[in-house]
């Protein structure tokens, strides 16, 4: 059994920011199932939404966030993240991150972008690779910290709780079982302060902008441990994923529309302008549904994002990664529109937390996309997620340091070693991969941008059968990363479906043909699920 003062599961902006701050107060383990750089953060193109301009204000940023959230935002969370954001961004800059600047009348100032739902330019960016630059900056600092141990190629299997061990006292988190992917051994990690920062669950859908690591691990583990889960029906579909047979999950940043890009159908019509006054810069839920409706109406496989009115030199300077990727696939965005389709992008729900990241299970915190503070409500405002990761990581560390009296001091509880099945049947791998594909296609077809109760019920019935099959594999066979991810995917898929079935209205990212209107009287509340 290994012990740490703090354990972080996940290595994106939220987890690494917390680890750096916690390292000033004790020994920290950062557990990540691939390399440290493999995170949703590293794939973020747009930037960090933050009030830094004299033309902007906290009140405007708060208003834009609340409007996008369709009546479900937690006002305290919104105000806290927006108002504390600038200081957290300054700390990031102090670590060595350089946001893009521009020359204005002989002096340099931040080059602020604009994205859907924002009334002002407020998105700080590093060209179109902001997330990658943030990730590498934080990872460099973490690797240099003597108090942080980065455990790469280690995947958390499950949380260890007092209830699971049969203690009669109040339930709380005691640590986690972790699979060393190199040796195949499962290690017991003991801590009184465990923080989940595992990102989202985009891979639960057939088409997603997320990397392969986004399999909902944190939400699934927290659910099995008994923590409350909130608002999982609100899955954000990014309107513009590159439509090309050889371009896997490549996002075309919303910043392209912020710089004048217009969504058009095959005839060249600006079809989004017919459904919202902001046109292509409407909130993401509106744009994604407009694209979905246009594709169904016309039978087209995609729509087109047209930014040919901008000079080639501007596109190469502002969007170098997008420009080169499109060109590599035979698309010259300076001369022709980019074919795009919506794809699963962001999990607005998650493990329910307070504004400090504390969950309903004592000793367990969740920050970043895996947590649900209520900031995003029913639809996330573009580029608010990286800001939330910075702010809640800071607050979580401060809260844990302030409450230095854990329920069970380290060493007071002896944790049992992991017990597992010891059979490895290669033939069963075919079943694992088949189930993985079935879940993702089922979710895409039945639990996508537009839903019905009938489709959701079909998905629910099939998922229950799949969960029983997967659970049998889990207990009888030696665990692997593939099996663990499949187990987590099935769990999160069922949570999304159960949440969607319980919301008998359309709001934000949850749109159902059976209840197309918003119902504030009955459903202006969070959807809460808990095993208890």
Protein backbone atom coordinates (compact mmCIF):
# COMPACT_ATOMS: atom_id res chain seq x y z
CA UNK A 1 0.00 0.00 0.00
CA UNK A 2 1.37 3.40 -1.07
CA UNK A 3 0.31 6.57 0.76
CA UNK A 4 0.17 10.19 -0.36
CA UNK A 5 -1.11 13.41 1.17
CA UNK A 6 -3.01 14.14 -2.06
CA UNK A 7 -3.91 11.93 -5.02
CA UNK A 8 -5.01 13.42 -8.34
CA UNK A 9 -6.53 11.18 -11.02
CA UNK A 10 -6.18 12.94 -14.37
CA UNK A 11 -3.57 15.18 -15.94
CA UNK A 12 -5.44 18.01 -17.67
CA UNK A 13 -5.56 21.68 -16.72
CA UNK A 14 -7.61 21.07 -13.55
CA UNK A 15 -5.59 18.14 -12.20
CA UNK A 16 -2.15 19.62 -12.93
CA UNK A 17 -3.09 23.05 -11.53
CA UNK A 18 -4.29 21.40 -8.32
CA UNK A 19 -1.16 19.21 -8.11
CA UNK A 20 1.16 22.23 -8.36
CA UNK A 21 -0.67 24.05 -5.59
CA UNK A 22 -1.05 20.98 -3.35
CA UNK A 23 2.67 20.19 -3.72
CA UNK A 24 3.38 23.17 -1.50
CA UNK A 25 1.61 21.34 1.34
CA UNK A 26 2.53 17.66 0.96
CA UNK A 27 3.30 14.70 -1.29
CA UNK A 28 1.14 14.44 -4.40
CA UNK A 29 0.55 11.56 -6.81
CA UNK A 30 -0.83 12.36 -10.27
CA UNK A 31 -2.29 9.23 -11.86
CA UNK A 32 -2.89 9.27 -15.62
CA UNK A 33 -3.79 6.32 -17.82
CA UNK A 34 -1.66 7.38 -20.79
CA UNK A 35 1.18 9.87 -20.98
CA UNK A 36 0.87 13.07 -18.99
CA UNK A 37 0.07 15.12 -22.08
CA UNK A 38 -2.84 12.86 -23.09
CA UNK A 39 -5.86 14.85 -21.89
CA UNK A 40 -8.89 16.70 -23.19
CA UNK A 41 -7.09 19.93 -22.32
CA UNK A 42 -4.37 19.26 -24.87
CA UNK A 43 -7.00 19.07 -27.61
CA UNK A 44 -8.68 22.40 -26.75
CA UNK A 45 -8.27 24.83 -29.62
CA UNK A 46 -10.31 27.91 -28.77
CA UNK A 47 -8.90 29.35 -25.56
CA UNK A 48 -9.79 30.70 -22.12
CA UNK A 49 -12.77 33.02 -21.74
CA UNK A 50 -11.78 35.72 -19.27
CA UNK A 51 -12.51 39.39 -18.70
CA UNK A 52 -9.30 41.29 -19.49
CA UNK A 53 -10.46 44.14 -21.73
CA UNK A 54 -11.73 47.58 -20.74
CA UNK A 55 -14.59 47.06 -23.20
CA UNK A 56 -15.70 43.95 -21.31
CA UNK A 57 -17.05 43.45 -17.78
CA UNK A 58 -17.79 40.74 -15.24
CA UNK A 59 -21.49 41.57 -15.58
CA UNK A 60 -21.43 40.88 -19.33
CA UNK A 61 -19.52 37.61 -18.97
CA UNK A 62 -21.94 36.50 -16.23
CA UNK A 63 -24.93 37.45 -18.38
CA UNK A 64 -23.60 35.55 -21.42
CA UNK A 65 -22.94 32.44 -19.30
CA UNK A 66 -26.42 32.52 -17.77
CA UNK A 67 -28.10 32.98 -21.16
CA UNK A 68 -26.22 30.04 -22.65
CA UNK A 69 -27.07 27.88 -19.62
CA UNK A 70 -30.81 28.10 -20.32
CA UNK A 71 -31.93 28.77 -16.75
CA UNK A 72 -29.97 25.99 -15.00
CA UNK A 73 -26.72 27.74 -14.11
CA UNK A 74 -25.72 28.02 -10.45
CA UNK A 75 -25.38 31.79 -10.03
CA UNK A 76 -22.81 31.45 -7.24
CA UNK A 77 -20.64 29.24 -9.45
CA UNK A 78 -20.94 31.60 -12.41
CA UNK A 79 -20.05 34.70 -10.41
CA UNK A 80 -17.16 32.98 -8.63
CA UNK A 81 -15.53 31.57 -11.76
CA UNK A 82 -15.93 34.79 -13.75
CA UNK A 83 -14.68 37.11 -10.99
CA UNK A 84 -11.78 34.91 -9.82
CA UNK A 85 -10.74 33.99 -13.35
CA UNK A 86 -8.38 36.90 -14.14
CA UNK A 87 -6.13 36.16 -11.14
CA UNK A 88 -5.90 32.47 -12.04
CA UNK A 89 -5.02 33.38 -15.62
CA UNK A 90 -2.25 35.68 -14.35
CA UNK A 91 -0.82 32.72 -12.43
CA UNK A 92 -0.79 30.69 -15.64
CA UNK A 93 1.04 33.47 -17.44
CA UNK A 94 3.55 33.61 -14.56
CA UNK A 95 4.37 29.94 -15.25
CA UNK A 96 5.53 30.95 -18.72
CA UNK A 97 2.46 30.72 -20.93
CA UNK A 98 2.36 33.40 -23.64
CA UNK A 99 -1.07 34.22 -25.01
CA UNK A 100 -1.24 35.79 -28.47
CA UNK A 101 -0.88 39.54 -28.63
CA UNK A 102 -1.38 42.19 -31.29
CA UNK A 103 0.09 45.59 -32.00
CA UNK A 104 -2.27 48.49 -31.27
CA UNK A 105 -0.98 52.00 -31.92
CA UNK A 106 2.59 51.02 -31.12
CA UNK A 107 1.94 48.93 -28.01
CA UNK A 108 1.17 45.26 -27.44
CA UNK A 109 -2.10 43.98 -26.01
CA UNK A 110 -3.83 40.61 -25.78
CA UNK A 111 -5.39 39.43 -29.04
CA UNK A 112 -8.85 38.46 -27.82
CA UNK A 113 -11.06 36.10 -29.82
CA UNK A 114 -14.83 35.82 -29.88
CA UNK A 115 -16.91 32.66 -29.93
CA UNK A 116 -20.58 31.68 -29.98
CA UNK A 117 -22.73 33.19 -27.22
CA UNK A 118 -20.15 35.84 -26.22
CA UNK A 119 -21.20 39.48 -26.52
CA UNK A 120 -17.59 40.70 -26.41
CA UNK A 121 -14.16 39.54 -27.49
CA UNK A 122 -12.76 37.86 -24.35
CA UNK A 123 -11.13 34.57 -25.40
CA UNK A 124 -7.38 34.43 -24.71
CA UNK A 125 -5.64 32.03 -27.07
CA UNK A 126 -2.35 30.75 -28.41
CA UNK A 127 -3.16 30.59 -32.14
CA UNK A 128 -5.50 27.56 -32.40
CA UNK A 129 -3.55 25.28 -30.05
CA UNK A 130 -4.30 26.95 -26.71
CA UNK A 131 -4.97 23.75 -24.80
CA UNK A 132 -1.77 22.07 -25.92
CA UNK A 133 0.31 25.08 -24.85
CA UNK A 134 -1.41 25.19 -21.46
CA UNK A 135 -0.94 21.45 -21.01
CA UNK A 136 2.78 21.50 -21.81
CA UNK A 137 3.36 24.56 -19.59
CA UNK A 138 1.70 22.92 -16.59
CA UNK A 139 3.27 19.53 -17.25
CA UNK A 140 6.76 21.05 -17.34
CA UNK A 141 6.15 22.69 -13.96
CA UNK A 142 4.76 19.45 -12.48
CA UNK A 143 7.75 17.40 -13.68
CA UNK A 144 10.05 19.91 -11.98
CA UNK A 145 8.25 19.72 -8.63
CA UNK A 146 10.04 17.44 -6.12
CA UNK A 147 6.77 16.80 -4.27
CA UNK A 148 4.79 15.47 -7.26
CA UNK A 149 5.07 11.89 -8.51
CA UNK A 150 3.61 11.47 -11.99
CA UNK A 151 2.35 7.92 -12.48
CA UNK A 152 1.90 7.57 -16.23
CA UNK A 153 0.28 4.50 -17.80
CA UNK A 154 -1.62 3.90 -14.57
CA UNK A 155 -5.42 3.62 -14.69
CA UNK A 156 -7.68 3.97 -11.67
CA UNK A 157 -9.93 0.93 -11.31
CA UNK A 158 -12.22 1.99 -8.48
CA UNK A 159 -12.39 4.19 -5.41
CA UNK A 160 -11.97 2.65 -1.96
CA UNK A 161 -14.59 3.80 0.53
CA UNK A 162 -15.40 3.11 4.17
CA UNK A 163 -18.78 1.67 3.13
CA UNK A 164 -17.14 -0.87 0.82
CA UNK A 165 -14.92 -2.00 3.70
CA UNK A 166 -17.92 -2.40 6.00
CA UNK A 167 -17.12 0.42 8.44
CA UNK A 168 -20.06 1.55 10.56
CA UNK A 169 -18.90 5.16 10.58
CA UNK A 170 -19.89 7.83 8.08
CA UNK A 171 -18.87 6.87 4.57
CA UNK A 172 -15.80 8.58 3.09
CA UNK A 173 -13.15 8.04 0.44
CA UNK A 174 -9.98 6.22 1.56
CA UNK A 175 -8.05 5.90 -1.69
CA UNK A 176 -8.14 3.99 -4.96
CA UNK A 177 -7.11 0.78 -6.65
CA UNK A 178 -4.86 1.56 -9.61
CA UNK A 179 -3.80 -0.69 -12.50
CA UNK A 180 -0.13 -0.47 -13.49
CA UNK A 181 -0.55 -1.02 -17.23
CA UNK A 182 3.07 -2.12 -17.68
CA UNK A 183 3.18 -4.85 -15.05
CA UNK A 184 -0.54 -5.70 -14.98
CA UNK A 185 -0.54 -5.41 -11.17
CA UNK A 186 -3.21 -3.50 -9.27
CA UNK A 187 -1.77 -1.20 -6.60
CA UNK A 188 -3.53 0.11 -3.50
CA UNK A 189 -3.17 3.89 -3.15
CA UNK A 190 -4.10 5.37 0.25
CA UNK A 191 -5.08 9.00 0.78
CA UNK A 192 -7.61 11.09 2.66
CA UNK A 193 -7.68 13.71 -0.10
CA UNK A 194 -8.51 12.23 -3.50
CA UNK A 195 -9.30 14.48 -6.43
CA UNK A 196 -10.89 13.34 -9.69
CA UNK A 197 -9.90 15.37 -12.75
CA UNK A 198 -10.50 12.73 -15.41
CA UNK A 199 -12.28 14.87 -18.00
CA UNK A 200 -15.38 13.91 -19.95
CA UNK A 201 -17.00 11.02 -21.78
CA UNK A 202 -17.00 11.90 -25.48
CA UNK A 203 -16.00 8.38 -26.53
CA UNK A 204 -19.42 7.13 -25.40
CA UNK A 205 -20.59 8.47 -28.80
CA UNK A 206 -19.67 7.19 -32.24
CA UNK A 207 -18.52 10.64 -33.41
CA UNK A 208 -16.66 12.92 -31.02
CA UNK A 209 -14.04 15.64 -30.95
CA UNK A 210 -12.51 14.07 -27.83
CA UNK A 211 -9.32 11.99 -27.63
CA UNK A 212 -9.49 8.24 -26.99
CA UNK A 213 -8.93 8.70 -23.24
CA UNK A 214 -12.36 10.37 -22.74
CA UNK A 215 -14.28 7.32 -21.50
CA UNK A 216 -16.07 8.80 -18.47
CA UNK A 217 -13.85 7.05 -15.92
CA UNK A 218 -14.26 9.57 -13.11
CA UNK A 219 -18.06 9.78 -13.26
CA UNK A 220 -18.33 5.97 -13.40
CA UNK A 221 -16.02 5.47 -10.40
CA UNK A 222 -17.80 8.16 -8.37
CA UNK A 223 -21.19 6.63 -9.19
CA UNK A 224 -20.05 3.20 -8.05
CA UNK A 225 -18.70 4.77 -4.85
CA UNK A 226 -22.08 6.36 -4.08
CA UNK A 227 -21.44 10.01 -4.97
CA UNK A 228 -24.28 12.10 -6.40
CA UNK A 229 -24.28 12.68 -10.17
CA UNK A 230 -25.97 15.68 -11.80
CA UNK A 231 -27.29 16.73 -15.22
CA UNK A 232 -25.78 13.99 -17.37
CA UNK A 233 -28.44 14.52 -20.05
CA UNK A 234 -26.67 17.71 -21.11
CA UNK A 235 -23.99 16.52 -23.54
CA UNK A 236 -22.73 19.31 -25.76
CA UNK A 237 -22.28 18.52 -29.43
CA UNK A 238 -19.74 20.79 -31.07
CA UNK A 239 -21.29 22.04 -34.31
CA UNK A 240 -18.14 21.84 -36.42
CA UNK A 241 -16.06 18.68 -36.59
CA UNK A 242 -14.16 18.20 -39.88
CA UNK A 243 -16.08 15.86 -42.18
CA UNK A 244 -13.48 13.74 -43.95
CA UNK A 245 -12.97 9.94 -44.02
CA UNK A 246 -9.35 10.25 -42.90
CA UNK A 247 -9.72 13.04 -40.32
CA UNK A 248 -10.42 11.37 -36.99
CA UNK A 249 -12.17 13.62 -34.47
CA UNK A 250 -10.61 16.85 -35.75
CA UNK A 251 -12.30 19.94 -34.35
CA UNK A 252 -12.77 23.13 -36.33
CA UNK A 253 -12.66 25.70 -33.55
CA UNK A 254 -15.61 27.96 -32.85
CA UNK A 255 -13.09 30.78 -33.13
CA UNK A 256 -13.30 30.33 -36.91
CA UNK A 257 -16.91 31.50 -36.72
CA UNK A 258 -15.78 34.20 -34.29
CA UNK A 259 -13.56 35.58 -37.06
CA UNK A 260 -16.39 35.69 -39.58
CA UNK A 261 -16.95 32.08 -40.64
CA UNK A 262 -20.50 31.39 -41.87
CA UNK A 263 -22.24 28.01 -41.87
CA UNK A 264 -23.83 27.29 -45.24
CA UNK A 265 -25.71 24.42 -46.83
CA UNK A 266 -24.80 22.86 -50.19
CA UNK A 267 -26.64 25.68 -51.98
CA UNK A 268 -24.60 28.30 -50.14
CA UNK A 269 -27.48 29.50 -47.94
CA UNK A 270 -26.75 30.90 -44.46
CA UNK A 271 -29.32 28.56 -42.89
CA UNK A 272 -28.53 29.26 -39.20
CA UNK A 273 -29.52 32.91 -39.68
CA UNK A 274 -33.09 31.68 -40.22
CA UNK A 275 -33.32 30.26 -36.68
CA UNK A 276 -31.33 32.69 -34.50
CA UNK A 277 -30.45 36.41 -34.71
CA UNK A 278 -26.78 35.69 -33.97
CA UNK A 279 -26.60 33.30 -36.91
CA UNK A 280 -23.46 31.16 -36.92
CA UNK A 281 -22.39 32.72 -33.60
CA UNK A 282 -25.50 31.53 -31.74
CA UNK A 283 -24.97 29.28 -28.68
CA UNK A 284 -23.74 25.78 -29.50
CA UNK A 285 -26.98 23.96 -28.74
CA UNK A 286 -28.86 26.14 -31.22
CA UNK A 287 -26.23 25.78 -33.95
CA UNK A 288 -25.87 22.00 -33.51
CA UNK A 289 -29.64 21.49 -33.77
CA UNK A 290 -29.82 23.77 -36.81
CA UNK A 291 -27.14 21.71 -38.56
CA UNK A 292 -28.84 18.45 -37.58
CA UNK A 293 -32.18 19.70 -38.94
CA UNK A 294 -30.61 20.96 -42.17
CA UNK A 295 -28.84 17.65 -42.81
CA UNK A 296 -32.05 15.70 -42.17
CA UNK A 297 -34.11 18.03 -44.33
CA UNK A 298 -31.74 17.93 -47.31
CA UNK A 299 -30.34 14.43 -46.88
CA UNK A 300 -26.81 15.89 -46.93
CA UNK A 301 -23.94 14.23 -45.09
CA UNK A 302 -22.50 17.55 -43.90
CA UNK A 303 -22.75 21.33 -44.06
CA UNK A 304 -20.01 23.85 -44.85
CA UNK A 305 -18.11 26.47 -42.86
CA UNK A 306 -17.15 29.34 -45.14
CA UNK A 307 -14.39 31.73 -44.12
CA UNK A 308 -13.07 32.43 -47.61
CA UNK A 309 -13.67 36.16 -47.13
CA UNK A 310 -10.58 36.30 -44.88
CA UNK A 311 -7.12 36.66 -46.48
CA UNK A 312 -4.93 33.56 -46.63
CA UNK A 313 -2.23 35.27 -44.56
CA UNK A 314 -4.72 35.93 -41.74
CA UNK A 315 -5.91 32.31 -41.72
CA UNK A 316 -2.36 30.99 -41.64
CA UNK A 317 -1.45 33.29 -38.75
CA UNK A 318 -4.64 32.89 -36.67
CA UNK A 319 -5.39 29.21 -37.35
CA UNK A 320 -2.11 27.53 -38.33
CA UNK A 321 -3.06 24.06 -37.05
CA UNK A 322 -6.52 24.07 -38.61
CA UNK A 323 -5.19 25.53 -41.88
CA UNK A 324 -2.45 22.90 -42.24
CA UNK A 325 -4.72 20.01 -41.23
CA UNK A 326 -7.38 20.99 -43.76
CA UNK A 327 -4.73 21.43 -46.45
CA UNK A 328 -3.32 17.99 -45.65
CA UNK A 329 -6.78 16.58 -46.36
CA UNK A 330 -7.09 18.44 -49.65
CA UNK A 331 -9.16 21.38 -48.37
CA UNK A 332 -7.89 24.93 -48.93
CA UNK A 333 -9.95 26.92 -46.41
CA UNK A 334 -8.81 30.18 -48.02
CA UNK A 335 -10.52 29.19 -51.28
CA UNK A 336 -13.30 26.74 -50.36
CA UNK A 337 -15.69 26.06 -47.45
CA UNK A 338 -14.77 23.39 -44.89
CA UNK A 339 -17.14 20.38 -44.72
CA UNK A 340 -18.28 19.94 -41.10
CA UNK A 341 -20.68 17.89 -38.95
CA UNK A 342 -21.63 18.04 -35.25
CA UNK A 343 -19.85 15.66 -32.85
CA UNK A 344 -20.03 14.94 -29.11
CA UNK A 345 -17.76 17.44 -27.43
CA UNK A 346 -18.34 18.29 -23.77
CA UNK A 347 -20.03 16.81 -20.71
CA UNK A 348 -21.91 19.64 -18.96
CA UNK A 349 -23.08 17.40 -16.13
CA UNK A 350 -20.92 15.20 -13.93
CA UNK A 351 -20.20 14.49 -10.29
CA UNK A 352 -22.16 17.02 -8.30
CA UNK A 353 -19.88 19.37 -6.35
CA UNK A 354 -19.96 22.62 -4.47
CA UNK A 355 -18.02 25.68 -5.58
CA UNK A 356 -14.86 24.21 -4.01
CA UNK A 357 -15.12 20.91 -5.88
CA UNK A 358 -16.30 18.87 -2.86
CA UNK A 359 -18.58 15.96 -3.74
CA UNK A 360 -21.27 14.31 -1.58
CA UNK A 361 -18.68 11.69 -0.55
CA UNK A 362 -16.34 13.11 2.15
CA UNK A 363 -12.69 13.04 1.11
CA UNK A 364 -13.54 13.04 -2.61
CA UNK A 365 -13.27 16.14 -4.78
CA UNK A 366 -13.97 16.53 -8.50
CA UNK A 367 -12.83 19.39 -10.71
CA UNK A 368 -12.89 20.24 -14.40
CA UNK A 369 -15.18 18.51 -16.87
CA UNK A 370 -15.76 15.51 -14.57
CA UNK A 371 -17.39 17.73 -11.96
CA UNK A 372 -20.65 19.66 -12.06
CA UNK A 373 -20.50 22.93 -10.15
CA UNK A 374 -23.49 24.31 -12.04
CA UNK A 375 -21.38 26.80 -14.01
CA UNK A 376 -22.52 25.46 -17.39
CA UNK A 377 -26.17 24.81 -16.62
CA UNK A 378 -27.90 23.18 -19.57
CA UNK A 379 -25.34 24.38 -22.13
CA UNK A 380 -21.72 25.46 -21.73
CA UNK A 381 -20.66 28.87 -22.98
CA UNK A 382 -17.66 28.43 -25.27
CA UNK A 383 -14.20 28.51 -23.62
CA UNK A 384 -15.57 28.70 -20.06
CA UNK A 385 -14.30 25.19 -19.31
CA UNK A 386 -10.56 25.93 -19.10
CA UNK A 387 -11.32 28.91 -16.87
CA UNK A 388 -13.41 26.70 -14.58
CA UNK A 389 -10.56 24.18 -14.33
CA UNK A 390 -8.16 26.88 -13.14
CA UNK A 391 -10.54 28.48 -10.63
CA UNK A 392 -11.98 25.32 -9.05
CA UNK A 393 -8.52 23.69 -8.80
CA UNK A 394 -7.34 26.69 -6.75
CA UNK A 395 -10.44 26.64 -4.55
CA UNK A 396 -10.29 22.85 -4.02
CA UNK A 397 -6.71 23.03 -2.83
CA UNK A 398 -7.51 25.92 -0.47
CA UNK A 399 -10.52 24.05 0.93
CA UNK A 400 -8.55 20.86 1.55
CA UNK A 401 -5.72 22.74 3.26
CA UNK A 402 -8.21 24.63 5.44
CA UNK A 403 -9.84 21.37 6.60
CA UNK A 404 -6.71 19.57 7.76
CA UNK A 405 -8.67 17.15 9.97
CA UNK A 406 -9.45 14.14 7.78
CA UNK A 407 -12.02 11.62 9.00
CA UNK A 408 -9.31 8.96 9.30
CA UNK A 409 -5.67 10.09 9.52
CA UNK A 410 -3.33 8.34 7.10
CA UNK A 411 -2.20 4.98 8.37
CA UNK A 412 -5.16 4.50 10.73
CA UNK A 413 -6.96 2.26 8.26
CA UNK A 414 -5.51 -0.86 6.69
CA UNK A 415 -6.77 -1.31 3.14
CA UNK A 416 -7.15 -4.77 1.61
CA UNK A 417 -5.22 -5.76 -1.48
CA UNK A 418 -6.99 -6.03 -4.81
CA UNK A 419 -8.69 -9.33 -5.63
CA UNK A 420 -9.29 -10.17 -9.28
CA UNK A 421 -10.17 -12.98 -11.64
CA UNK A 422 -7.09 -14.52 -13.21
CA UNK A 423 -8.37 -15.81 -16.56
CA UNK A 424 -7.31 -14.22 -19.82
CA UNK A 425 -9.20 -15.59 -22.82
CA UNK A 426 -8.11 -13.92 -26.04
CA UNK A 427 -11.40 -14.89 -27.69
CA UNK A 428 -13.27 -12.69 -25.22
CA UNK A 429 -11.47 -9.60 -26.55
CA UNK A 430 -13.68 -9.78 -29.64
CA UNK A 431 -16.73 -9.46 -27.39
CA UNK A 432 -15.21 -6.47 -25.60
CA UNK A 433 -14.56 -4.61 -28.85
CA UNK A 434 -18.00 -5.51 -30.21
CA UNK A 435 -19.70 -4.16 -27.07
CA UNK A 436 -17.59 -0.98 -27.24
CA UNK A 437 -18.76 -0.34 -30.82
CA UNK A 438 -22.37 -1.19 -30.01
CA UNK A 439 -22.54 1.28 -27.11
CA UNK A 440 -21.12 4.12 -29.19
CA UNK A 441 -23.43 3.54 -32.18
CA UNK A 442 -26.46 3.02 -29.92
CA UNK A 443 -25.78 6.32 -28.14
CA UNK A 444 -25.30 8.16 -31.44
CA UNK A 445 -28.50 6.80 -32.98
CA UNK A 446 -30.80 6.97 -29.93
CA UNK A 447 -29.35 9.56 -27.53
CA UNK A 448 -27.98 12.22 -29.88
CA UNK A 449 -28.80 15.84 -30.62
CA UNK A 450 -32.55 15.19 -30.99
CA UNK A 451 -34.20 12.56 -28.79
CA UNK A 452 -37.53 10.79 -28.18
CA UNK A 453 -38.73 8.70 -25.24
CA UNK A 454 -39.06 5.67 -27.50
CA UNK A 455 -35.43 5.86 -28.61
CA UNK A 456 -34.26 6.48 -25.06
CA UNK A 457 -36.19 3.48 -23.75
CA UNK A 458 -34.66 1.26 -26.43
CA UNK A 459 -31.21 2.49 -25.47
CA UNK A 460 -31.92 1.89 -21.78
CA UNK A 461 -33.05 -1.72 -22.31
CA UNK A 462 -30.02 -2.62 -24.42
CA UNK A 463 -27.60 -0.92 -22.04
CA UNK A 464 -28.89 -2.95 -19.08
CA UNK A 465 -28.12 -6.17 -20.96
CA UNK A 466 -24.68 -4.91 -21.97
CA UNK A 467 -23.88 -3.93 -18.39
CA UNK A 468 -24.66 -7.45 -17.20
CA UNK A 469 -22.36 -8.95 -19.85
CA UNK A 470 -19.57 -6.52 -19.03
CA UNK A 471 -19.88 -7.08 -15.30
CA UNK A 472 -19.46 -10.83 -15.85
CA UNK A 473 -16.23 -10.19 -17.77
CA UNK A 474 -15.05 -7.80 -15.07
CA UNK A 475 -15.36 -10.28 -12.21
CA UNK A 476 -14.17 -13.38 -14.04
CA UNK A 477 -11.30 -12.18 -16.21
CA UNK A 478 -8.04 -10.42 -15.58
CA UNK A 479 -8.65 -6.69 -15.92
CA UNK A 480 -7.19 -4.67 -18.78
CA UNK A 481 -7.47 -1.03 -19.79
CA UNK A 482 -9.90 -2.01 -22.57
CA UNK A 483 -12.18 -3.83 -20.14
CA UNK A 484 -12.09 -1.01 -17.59
CA UNK A 485 -12.88 1.61 -20.21
CA UNK A 486 -15.74 -0.49 -21.59
CA UNK A 487 -17.17 -0.89 -18.09
CA UNK A 488 -17.00 2.86 -17.52
CA UNK A 489 -18.50 3.68 -20.92
CA UNK A 490 -21.50 1.44 -20.25
CA UNK A 491 -22.03 3.03 -16.82
CA UNK A 492 -21.88 6.60 -18.13
CA UNK A 493 -24.09 5.78 -21.12
CA UNK A 494 -26.76 4.45 -18.75
CA UNK A 495 -26.49 7.58 -16.57
CA UNK A 496 -26.99 9.81 -19.63
CA UNK A 497 -30.04 7.82 -20.74
CA UNK A 498 -31.60 7.69 -17.26
CA UNK A 499 -31.12 11.44 -16.85
CA UNK A 500 -32.58 12.16 -20.29
CA UNK A 501 -35.63 9.98 -19.62
CA UNK A 502 -36.35 11.85 -16.39
CA UNK A 503 -36.38 15.32 -18.02
CA UNK A 504 -39.76 15.72 -19.69
CA UNK A 505 -38.98 18.99 -21.45
CA UNK A 506 -36.49 20.47 -23.92
CA UNK A 507 -33.83 22.71 -22.41
CA UNK A 508 -30.36 23.64 -23.62
CA UNK A 509 -28.55 20.58 -24.91
CA UNK A 510 -31.44 18.20 -24.15
CA UNK A 511 -34.01 18.38 -26.95
CA UNK A 512 -36.80 15.82 -27.22
CA UNK A 513 -39.53 15.71 -29.86
CA UNK A 514 -41.96 14.39 -27.22
CA UNK A 515 -41.62 17.52 -25.05
CA UNK A 516 -40.35 20.30 -27.37
CA UNK A 517 -41.11 23.17 -24.95
CA UNK A 518 -39.23 24.31 -21.87
CA UNK A 519 -41.11 23.70 -18.60
CA UNK A 520 -39.75 25.99 -15.89
CA UNK A 521 -42.45 25.11 -13.39
CA UNK A 522 -41.53 21.41 -13.23
CA UNK A 523 -37.96 21.13 -14.52
CA UNK A 524 -35.98 24.24 -13.66
CA UNK A 525 -33.85 22.08 -11.41
CA UNK A 526 -30.88 19.77 -11.60
CA UNK A 527 -31.31 16.12 -12.50
CA UNK A 528 -29.76 14.19 -9.60
CA UNK A 529 -28.90 10.49 -9.58
CA UNK A 530 -27.38 8.49 -6.73
CA UNK A 531 -27.07 4.80 -5.97
CA UNK A 532 -28.32 5.51 -2.47
